[in-house]
PDB file of all heavy atoms in Angstrom:
ATOM      1  N   MET A   1     -25.622  -5.101  -6.722  1.00  0.00           N
ATOM      2  CA  MET A   1     -26.186  -5.872  -7.823  1.00  0.00           C
ATOM      3  C   MET A   1     -25.288  -7.036  -8.221  1.00  0.00           C
ATOM      4  O   MET A   1     -25.680  -7.894  -8.982  1.00  0.00           O
ATOM      5  CB  MET A   1     -26.410  -4.967  -9.044  1.00  0.00           C
ATOM      6  CG  MET A   1     -27.469  -3.913  -8.811  1.00  0.00           C
ATOM      7  SD  MET A   1     -27.799  -2.940 -10.274  1.00  0.00           S
ATOM      8  CE  MET A   1     -26.426  -1.807 -10.239  1.00  0.00           C
ATOM      9  N   LEU A   2     -24.060  -7.064  -7.711  1.00  0.00           N
ATOM     10  CA  LEU A   2     -23.119  -8.117  -8.045  1.00  0.00           C
ATOM     11  C   LEU A   2     -23.429  -9.379  -7.240  1.00  0.00           C
ATOM     12  O   LEU A   2     -24.087  -9.315  -6.213  1.00  0.00           O
ATOM     13  CB  LEU A   2     -21.696  -7.644  -7.749  1.00  0.00           C
ATOM     14  CG  LEU A   2     -21.236  -6.423  -8.532  1.00  0.00           C
ATOM     15  CD1 LEU A   2     -19.885  -5.958  -8.022  1.00  0.00           C
ATOM     16  CD2 LEU A   2     -21.176  -6.717 -10.006  1.00  0.00           C
ATOM     17  N   PRO A   3     -22.940 -10.535  -7.689  1.00  0.00           N
ATOM     18  CA  PRO A   3     -23.153 -11.753  -6.910  1.00  0.00           C
ATOM     19  C   PRO A   3     -22.653 -11.579  -5.485  1.00  0.00           C
ATOM     20  O   PRO A   3     -21.584 -11.027  -5.254  1.00  0.00           O
ATOM     21  CB  PRO A   3     -22.329 -12.816  -7.658  1.00  0.00           C
ATOM     22  CG  PRO A   3     -22.170 -12.279  -9.038  1.00  0.00           C
ATOM     23  CD  PRO A   3     -22.195 -10.782  -8.912  1.00  0.00           C
ATOM     24  N   ALA A   4     -23.432 -12.081  -4.520  1.00  0.00           N
ATOM     25  CA  ALA A   4     -23.130 -11.848  -3.107  1.00  0.00           C
ATOM     26  C   ALA A   4     -21.906 -12.618  -2.633  1.00  0.00           C
ATOM     27  O   ALA A   4     -21.141 -12.115  -1.839  1.00  0.00           O
ATOM     28  CB  ALA A   4     -24.337 -12.212  -2.247  1.00  0.00           C
ATOM     29  N   GLN A   5     -21.709 -13.831  -3.066  1.00  0.00           N
ATOM     30  CA  GLN A   5     -20.614 -14.649  -2.571  1.00  0.00           C
ATOM     31  C   GLN A   5     -19.709 -15.077  -3.714  1.00  0.00           C
ATOM     32  O   GLN A   5     -20.147 -15.742  -4.635  1.00  0.00           O
ATOM     33  CB  GLN A   5     -21.159 -15.903  -1.862  1.00  0.00           C
ATOM     34  CG  GLN A   5     -21.992 -15.604  -0.646  1.00  0.00           C
ATOM     35  CD  GLN A   5     -21.156 -15.120   0.509  1.00  0.00           C
ATOM     36  OE1 GLN A   5     -20.036 -15.550   0.691  1.00  0.00           O
ATOM     37  NE2 GLN A   5     -21.698 -14.212   1.294  1.00  0.00           N
ATOM     38  N   GLN A   6     -18.469 -14.689  -3.673  1.00  0.00           N
ATOM     39  CA  GLN A   6     -17.463 -15.131  -4.622  1.00  0.00           C
ATOM     40  C   GLN A   6     -16.229 -15.520  -3.814  1.00  0.00           C
ATOM     41  O   GLN A   6     -16.075 -15.091  -2.683  1.00  0.00           O
ATOM     42  CB  GLN A   6     -17.126 -14.027  -5.618  1.00  0.00           C
ATOM     43  CG  GLN A   6     -18.297 -13.666  -6.498  1.00  0.00           C
ATOM     44  CD  GLN A   6     -17.924 -12.600  -7.516  1.00  0.00           C
ATOM     45  OE1 GLN A   6     -16.770 -12.258  -7.678  1.00  0.00           O
ATOM     46  NE2 GLN A   6     -18.917 -12.090  -8.204  1.00  0.00           N
ATOM     47  N   ALA A   7     -15.372 -16.312  -4.418  1.00  0.00           N
ATOM     48  CA  ALA A   7     -14.179 -16.763  -3.698  1.00  0.00           C
ATOM     49  C   ALA A   7     -13.278 -15.588  -3.338  1.00  0.00           C
ATOM     50  O   ALA A   7     -12.935 -14.791  -4.202  1.00  0.00           O
ATOM     51  CB  ALA A   7     -13.420 -17.766  -4.553  1.00  0.00           C
ATOM     52  N   PRO A   8     -12.907 -15.470  -2.056  1.00  0.00           N
ATOM     53  CA  PRO A   8     -11.976 -14.409  -1.658  1.00  0.00           C
ATOM     54  C   PRO A   8     -10.606 -14.638  -2.286  1.00  0.00           C
ATOM     55  O   PRO A   8     -10.225 -15.766  -2.573  1.00  0.00           O
ATOM     56  CB  PRO A   8     -11.898 -14.532  -0.143  1.00  0.00           C
ATOM     57  CG  PRO A   8     -13.013 -15.418   0.258  1.00  0.00           C
ATOM     58  CD  PRO A   8     -13.371 -16.251  -0.922  1.00  0.00           C
ATOM     59  N   THR A   9      -9.870 -13.565  -2.483  1.00  0.00           N
ATOM     60  CA  THR A   9      -8.510 -13.674  -2.986  1.00  0.00           C
ATOM     61  C   THR A   9      -7.564 -13.015  -1.995  1.00  0.00           C
ATOM     62  O   THR A   9      -7.954 -12.151  -1.210  1.00  0.00           O
ATOM     63  CB  THR A   9      -8.344 -12.999  -4.360  1.00  0.00           C
ATOM     64  OG1 THR A   9      -8.700 -11.623  -4.237  1.00  0.00           O
ATOM     65  CG2 THR A   9      -9.210 -13.660  -5.407  1.00  0.00           C
ATOM     66  N   ARG A  10      -6.308 -13.428  -2.051  1.00  0.00           N
ATOM     67  CA  ARG A  10      -5.257 -12.848  -1.230  1.00  0.00           C
ATOM     68  C   ARG A  10      -4.139 -12.405  -2.163  1.00  0.00           C
ATOM     69  O   ARG A  10      -3.882 -13.048  -3.180  1.00  0.00           O
ATOM     70  CB  ARG A  10      -4.694 -13.880  -0.260  1.00  0.00           C
ATOM     71  CG  ARG A  10      -5.661 -14.345   0.764  1.00  0.00           C
ATOM     72  CD  ARG A  10      -4.981 -15.342   1.716  1.00  0.00           C
ATOM     73  NE  ARG A  10      -5.976 -15.904   2.581  1.00  0.00           N
ATOM     74  CZ  ARG A  10      -6.449 -17.137   2.494  1.00  0.00           C
ATOM     75  NH1 ARG A  10      -5.994 -17.948   1.569  1.00  0.00           N
ATOM     76  NH2 ARG A  10      -7.365 -17.559   3.328  1.00  0.00           N
ATOM     77  N   SER A  11      -3.464 -11.342  -1.769  1.00  0.00           N
ATOM     78  CA  SER A  11      -2.300 -10.921  -2.532  1.00  0.00           C
ATOM     79  C   SER A  11      -1.270 -10.310  -1.597  1.00  0.00           C
ATOM     80  O   SER A  11      -1.598  -9.821  -0.517  1.00  0.00           O
ATOM     81  CB  SER A  11      -2.681  -9.924  -3.631  1.00  0.00           C
ATOM     82  OG  SER A  11      -3.176  -8.730  -3.078  1.00  0.00           O
ATOM     83  N   VAL A  12      -0.020 -10.356  -2.043  1.00  0.00           N
ATOM     84  CA  VAL A  12       1.092  -9.736  -1.342  1.00  0.00           C
ATOM     85  C   VAL A  12       1.771  -8.806  -2.342  1.00  0.00           C
ATOM     86  O   VAL A  12       1.975  -9.180  -3.497  1.00  0.00           O
ATOM     87  CB  VAL A  12       2.093 -10.796  -0.828  1.00  0.00           C
ATOM     88  CG1 VAL A  12       3.312 -10.147  -0.213  1.00  0.00           C
ATOM     89  CG2 VAL A  12       1.417 -11.713   0.173  1.00  0.00           C
ATOM     90  N   THR A  13       2.091  -7.585  -1.897  1.00  0.00           N
ATOM     91  CA  THR A  13       2.697  -6.591  -2.779  1.00  0.00           C
ATOM     92  C   THR A  13       3.962  -6.016  -2.152  1.00  0.00           C
ATOM     93  O   THR A  13       3.959  -5.672  -0.967  1.00  0.00           O
ATOM     94  CB  THR A  13       1.708  -5.440  -3.055  1.00  0.00           C
ATOM     95  OG1 THR A  13       0.525  -5.966  -3.637  1.00  0.00           O
ATOM     96  CG2 THR A  13       2.314  -4.399  -3.983  1.00  0.00           C
ATOM     97  N   LEU A  14       5.006  -5.899  -2.943  1.00  0.00           N
ATOM     98  CA  LEU A  14       6.214  -5.187  -2.563  1.00  0.00           C
ATOM     99  C   LEU A  14       6.234  -3.914  -3.406  1.00  0.00           C
ATOM    100  O   LEU A  14       6.191  -3.987  -4.637  1.00  0.00           O
ATOM    101  CB  LEU A  14       7.466  -6.023  -2.819  1.00  0.00           C
ATOM    102  CG  LEU A  14       8.789  -5.359  -2.453  1.00  0.00           C
ATOM    103  CD1 LEU A  14       8.847  -5.030  -0.955  1.00  0.00           C
ATOM    104  CD2 LEU A  14       9.960  -6.244  -2.859  1.00  0.00           C
ATOM    105  N   ALA A  15       6.249  -2.758  -2.735  1.00  0.00           N
ATOM    106  CA  ALA A  15       6.143  -1.478  -3.439  1.00  0.00           C
ATOM    107  C   ALA A  15       7.182  -0.491  -2.928  1.00  0.00           C
ATOM    108  O   ALA A  15       7.663  -0.603  -1.801  1.00  0.00           O
ATOM    109  CB  ALA A  15       4.743  -0.903  -3.245  1.00  0.00           C
ATOM    110  N   ALA A  16       7.484   0.497  -3.742  1.00  0.00           N
ATOM    111  CA  ALA A  16       8.404   1.568  -3.356  1.00  0.00           C
ATOM    112  C   ALA A  16       8.041   2.829  -4.125  1.00  0.00           C
ATOM    113  O   ALA A  16       7.404   2.761  -5.179  1.00  0.00           O
ATOM    114  CB  ALA A  16       9.850   1.176  -3.651  1.00  0.00           C
ATOM    115  N   GLY A  17       8.447   3.969  -3.560  1.00  0.00           N
ATOM    116  CA  GLY A  17       8.200   5.226  -4.234  1.00  0.00           C
ATOM    117  C   GLY A  17       8.562   6.402  -3.364  1.00  0.00           C
ATOM    118  O   GLY A  17       9.055   6.246  -2.239  1.00  0.00           O
ATOM    119  N   PRO A  18       8.303   7.612  -3.861  1.00  0.00           N
ATOM    120  CA  PRO A  18       8.643   8.811  -3.103  1.00  0.00           C
ATOM    121  C   PRO A  18       7.620   9.121  -2.016  1.00  0.00           C
ATOM    122  O   PRO A  18       6.426   8.883  -2.181  1.00  0.00           O
ATOM    123  CB  PRO A  18       8.649   9.910  -4.168  1.00  0.00           C
ATOM    124  CG  PRO A  18       7.688   9.427  -5.198  1.00  0.00           C
ATOM    125  CD  PRO A  18       7.809   7.932  -5.199  1.00  0.00           C
ATOM    126  N   MET A  19       8.113   9.625  -0.895  1.00  0.00           N
ATOM    127  CA  MET A  19       7.275  10.076   0.219  1.00  0.00           C
ATOM    128  C   MET A  19       7.668  11.515   0.523  1.00  0.00           C
ATOM    129  O   MET A  19       8.834  11.795   0.788  1.00  0.00           O
ATOM    130  CB  MET A  19       7.501   9.210   1.457  1.00  0.00           C
ATOM    131  CG  MET A  19       6.889   9.797   2.732  1.00  0.00           C
ATOM    132  SD  MET A  19       7.574   9.070   4.244  1.00  0.00           S
ATOM    133  CE  MET A  19       6.454   7.721   4.478  1.00  0.00           C
ATOM    134  N   SER A  20       6.698  12.425   0.468  1.00  0.00           N
ATOM    135  CA  SER A  20       6.922  13.789   0.936  1.00  0.00           C
ATOM    136  C   SER A  20       6.503  13.821   2.391  1.00  0.00           C
ATOM    137  O   SER A  20       5.448  13.300   2.740  1.00  0.00           O
ATOM    138  CB  SER A  20       6.086  14.779   0.137  1.00  0.00           C
ATOM    139  OG  SER A  20       6.507  14.796  -1.194  1.00  0.00           O
ATOM    140  N   PHE A  21       7.311  14.430   3.247  1.00  0.00           N
ATOM    141  CA  PHE A  21       6.993  14.420   4.667  1.00  0.00           C
ATOM    142  C   PHE A  21       7.139  15.806   5.262  1.00  0.00           C
ATOM    143  O   PHE A  21       7.870  16.653   4.755  1.00  0.00           O
ATOM    144  CB  PHE A  21       7.866  13.416   5.422  1.00  0.00           C
ATOM    145  CG  PHE A  21       9.330  13.752   5.399  1.00  0.00           C
ATOM    146  CD1 PHE A  21       9.885  14.577   6.366  1.00  0.00           C
ATOM    147  CD2 PHE A  21      10.156  13.251   4.415  1.00  0.00           C
ATOM    148  CE1 PHE A  21      11.231  14.889   6.346  1.00  0.00           C
ATOM    149  CE2 PHE A  21      11.504  13.564   4.382  1.00  0.00           C
ATOM    150  CZ  PHE A  21      12.044  14.390   5.357  1.00  0.00           C
ATOM    151  N   ASP A  22       6.411  16.003   6.336  1.00  0.00           N
ATOM    152  CA  ASP A  22       6.522  17.203   7.161  1.00  0.00           C
ATOM    153  C   ASP A  22       6.620  16.704   8.595  1.00  0.00           C
ATOM    154  O   ASP A  22       5.611  16.429   9.239  1.00  0.00           O
ATOM    155  CB  ASP A  22       5.314  18.108   6.966  1.00  0.00           C
ATOM    156  CG  ASP A  22       5.448  19.428   7.726  1.00  0.00           C
ATOM    157  OD1 ASP A  22       6.467  19.621   8.413  1.00  0.00           O
ATOM    158  OD2 ASP A  22       4.524  20.243   7.631  1.00  0.00           O
ATOM    159  N   ALA A  23       7.839  16.504   9.060  1.00  0.00           N
ATOM    160  CA  ALA A  23       8.078  16.038  10.431  1.00  0.00           C
ATOM    161  C   ALA A  23       8.862  17.149  11.117  1.00  0.00           C
ATOM    162  O   ALA A  23       8.392  18.269  11.162  1.00  0.00           O
ATOM    163  CB  ALA A  23       8.810  14.696  10.418  1.00  0.00           C
ATOM    164  N   SER A  24      10.053  16.892  11.614  1.00  0.00           N
ATOM    165  CA  SER A  24      10.906  17.973  12.144  1.00  0.00           C
ATOM    166  C   SER A  24      11.721  18.498  10.971  1.00  0.00           C
ATOM    167  O   SER A  24      12.928  18.363  10.908  1.00  0.00           O
ATOM    168  CB  SER A  24      11.809  17.450  13.246  1.00  0.00           C
ATOM    169  OG  SER A  24      11.045  17.088  14.359  1.00  0.00           O
ATOM    170  N   GLY A  25      11.041  19.059  10.020  1.00  0.00           N
ATOM    171  CA  GLY A  25      11.598  19.481   8.754  1.00  0.00           C
ATOM    172  C   GLY A  25      10.795  18.844   7.644  1.00  0.00           C
ATOM    173  O   GLY A  25      10.004  17.928   7.876  1.00  0.00           O
ATOM    174  N   THR A  26      10.949  19.353   6.441  1.00  0.00           N
ATOM    175  CA  THR A  26      10.206  18.824   5.306  1.00  0.00           C
ATOM    176  C   THR A  26      11.182  18.262   4.296  1.00  0.00           C
ATOM    177  O   THR A  26      12.354  18.629   4.261  1.00  0.00           O
ATOM    178  CB  THR A  26       9.355  19.920   4.639  1.00  0.00           C
ATOM    179  OG1 THR A  26      10.228  20.964   4.213  1.00  0.00           O
ATOM    180  CG2 THR A  26       8.316  20.461   5.592  1.00  0.00           C
ATOM    181  N   GLY A  27      10.697  17.389   3.459  1.00  0.00           N
ATOM    182  CA  GLY A  27      11.557  16.829   2.435  1.00  0.00           C
ATOM    183  C   GLY A  27      10.903  15.664   1.741  1.00  0.00           C
ATOM    184  O   GLY A  27       9.701  15.421   1.876  1.00  0.00           O
ATOM    185  N   THR A  28      11.715  14.939   1.000  1.00  0.00           N
ATOM    186  CA  THR A  28      11.257  13.758   0.283  1.00  0.00           C
ATOM    187  C   THR A  28      12.175  12.602   0.644  1.00  0.00           C
ATOM    188  O   THR A  28      13.393  12.777   0.710  1.00  0.00           O
ATOM    189  CB  THR A  28      11.280  14.000  -1.243  1.00  0.00           C
ATOM    190  OG1 THR A  28      10.471  15.132  -1.541  1.00  0.00           O
ATOM    191  CG2 THR A  28      10.722  12.805  -1.990  1.00  0.00           C
ATOM    192  N   ALA A  29      11.583  11.454   0.859  1.00  0.00           N
ATOM    193  CA  ALA A  29      12.330  10.242   1.167  1.00  0.00           C
ATOM    194  C   ALA A  29      11.786   9.118   0.290  1.00  0.00           C
ATOM    195  O   ALA A  29      10.745   9.265  -0.347  1.00  0.00           O
ATOM    196  CB  ALA A  29      12.164   9.878   2.638  1.00  0.00           C
ATOM    197  N   THR A  30      12.479   8.015   0.272  1.00  0.00           N
ATOM    198  CA  THR A  30      11.981   6.820  -0.406  1.00  0.00           C
ATOM    199  C   THR A  30      11.316   5.928   0.631  1.00  0.00           C
ATOM    200  O   THR A  30      11.885   5.688   1.695  1.00  0.00           O
ATOM    201  CB  THR A  30      13.128   6.058  -1.095  1.00  0.00           C
ATOM    202  OG1 THR A  30      13.721   6.923  -2.069  1.00  0.00           O
ATOM    203  CG2 THR A  30      12.630   4.799  -1.768  1.00  0.00           C
ATOM    204  N   VAL A  31      10.121   5.464   0.322  1.00  0.00           N
ATOM    205  CA  VAL A  31       9.416   4.544   1.203  1.00  0.00           C
ATOM    206  C   VAL A  31       9.372   3.178   0.514  1.00  0.00           C
ATOM    207  O   VAL A  31       9.187   3.096  -0.705  1.00  0.00           O
ATOM    208  CB  VAL A  31       7.997   5.053   1.555  1.00  0.00           C
ATOM    209  CG1 VAL A  31       7.117   5.154   0.329  1.00  0.00           C
ATOM    210  CG2 VAL A  31       7.343   4.179   2.611  1.00  0.00           C
ATOM    211  N   VAL A  32       9.585   2.127   1.286  1.00  0.00           N
ATOM    212  CA  VAL A  32       9.484   0.749   0.807  1.00  0.00           C
ATOM    213  C   VAL A  32       8.415   0.083   1.661  1.00  0.00           C
ATOM    214  O   VAL A  32       8.448   0.194   2.894  1.00  0.00           O
ATOM    215  CB  VAL A  32      10.827   0.001   0.934  1.00  0.00           C
ATOM    216  CG1 VAL A  32      10.684  -1.443   0.504  1.00  0.00           C
ATOM    217  CG2 VAL A  32      11.904   0.707   0.130  1.00  0.00           C
ATOM    218  N   ALA A  33       7.468  -0.599   1.013  1.00  0.00           N
ATOM    219  CA  ALA A  33       6.334  -1.173   1.740  1.00  0.00           C
ATOM    220  C   ALA A  33       6.067  -2.604   1.301  1.00  0.00           C
ATOM    221  O   ALA A  33       6.199  -2.940   0.119  1.00  0.00           O
ATOM    222  CB  ALA A  33       5.090  -0.320   1.517  1.00  0.00           C
ATOM    223  N   LEU A  34       5.669  -3.422   2.257  1.00  0.00           N
ATOM    224  CA  LEU A  34       5.219  -4.784   2.010  1.00  0.00           C
ATOM    225  C   LEU A  34       3.803  -4.868   2.549  1.00  0.00           C
ATOM    226  O   LEU A  34       3.565  -4.570   3.728  1.00  0.00           O
ATOM    227  CB  LEU A  34       6.122  -5.796   2.717  1.00  0.00           C
ATOM    228  CG  LEU A  34       5.755  -7.267   2.539  1.00  0.00           C
ATOM    229  CD1 LEU A  34       5.889  -7.680   1.073  1.00  0.00           C
ATOM    230  CD2 LEU A  34       6.628  -8.138   3.425  1.00  0.00           C
ATOM    231  N   SER A  35       2.858  -5.243   1.689  1.00  0.00           N
ATOM    232  CA  SER A  35       1.465  -5.295   2.132  1.00  0.00           C
ATOM    233  C   SER A  35       0.828  -6.617   1.745  1.00  0.00           C
ATOM    234  O   SER A  35       1.247  -7.290   0.807  1.00  0.00           O
ATOM    235  CB  SER A  35       0.662  -4.135   1.530  1.00  0.00           C
ATOM    236  OG  SER A  35       0.619  -4.245   0.130  1.00  0.00           O
ATOM    237  N   ALA A  36      -0.187  -6.967   2.522  1.00  0.00           N
ATOM    238  CA  ALA A  36      -0.995  -8.149   2.258  1.00  0.00           C
ATOM    239  C   ALA A  36      -2.451  -7.711   2.208  1.00  0.00           C
ATOM    240  O   ALA A  36      -2.902  -6.958   3.073  1.00  0.00           O
ATOM    241  CB  ALA A  36      -0.794  -9.195   3.349  1.00  0.00           C
ATOM    242  N   VAL A  37      -3.178  -8.182   1.188  1.00  0.00           N
ATOM    243  CA  VAL A  37      -4.580  -7.818   1.008  1.00  0.00           C
ATOM    244  C   VAL A  37      -5.411  -9.093   0.990  1.00  0.00           C
ATOM    245  O   VAL A  37      -5.063 -10.065   0.322  1.00  0.00           O
ATOM    246  CB  VAL A  37      -4.797  -7.022  -0.307  1.00  0.00           C
ATOM    247  CG1 VAL A  37      -6.276  -6.799  -0.569  1.00  0.00           C
ATOM    248  CG2 VAL A  37      -4.064  -5.708  -0.244  1.00  0.00           C
ATOM    249  N   GLN A  38      -6.503  -9.064   1.729  1.00  0.00           N
ATOM    250  CA  GLN A  38      -7.473 -10.154   1.748  1.00  0.00           C
ATOM    251  C   GLN A  38      -8.804  -9.590   1.273  1.00  0.00           C
ATOM    252  O   GLN A  38      -9.361  -8.694   1.904  1.00  0.00           O
ATOM    253  CB  GLN A  38      -7.635 -10.716   3.163  1.00  0.00           C
ATOM    254  CG  GLN A  38      -8.796 -11.683   3.335  1.00  0.00           C
ATOM    255  CD  GLN A  38      -8.545 -13.014   2.650  1.00  0.00           C
ATOM    256  OE1 GLN A  38      -7.541 -13.657   2.894  1.00  0.00           O
ATOM    257  NE2 GLN A  38      -9.462 -13.428   1.793  1.00  0.00           N
TER     258      GLN A  38
END
């Protein structure tokens, strides 16, 4: 129901936080991520 065509936006994000993992052992690590969204 929203307008069909609107101007696209782009963003870049720098994020960090805890990561729980189950690899060759389990634990928590800090993950740092850089993402781009279109």
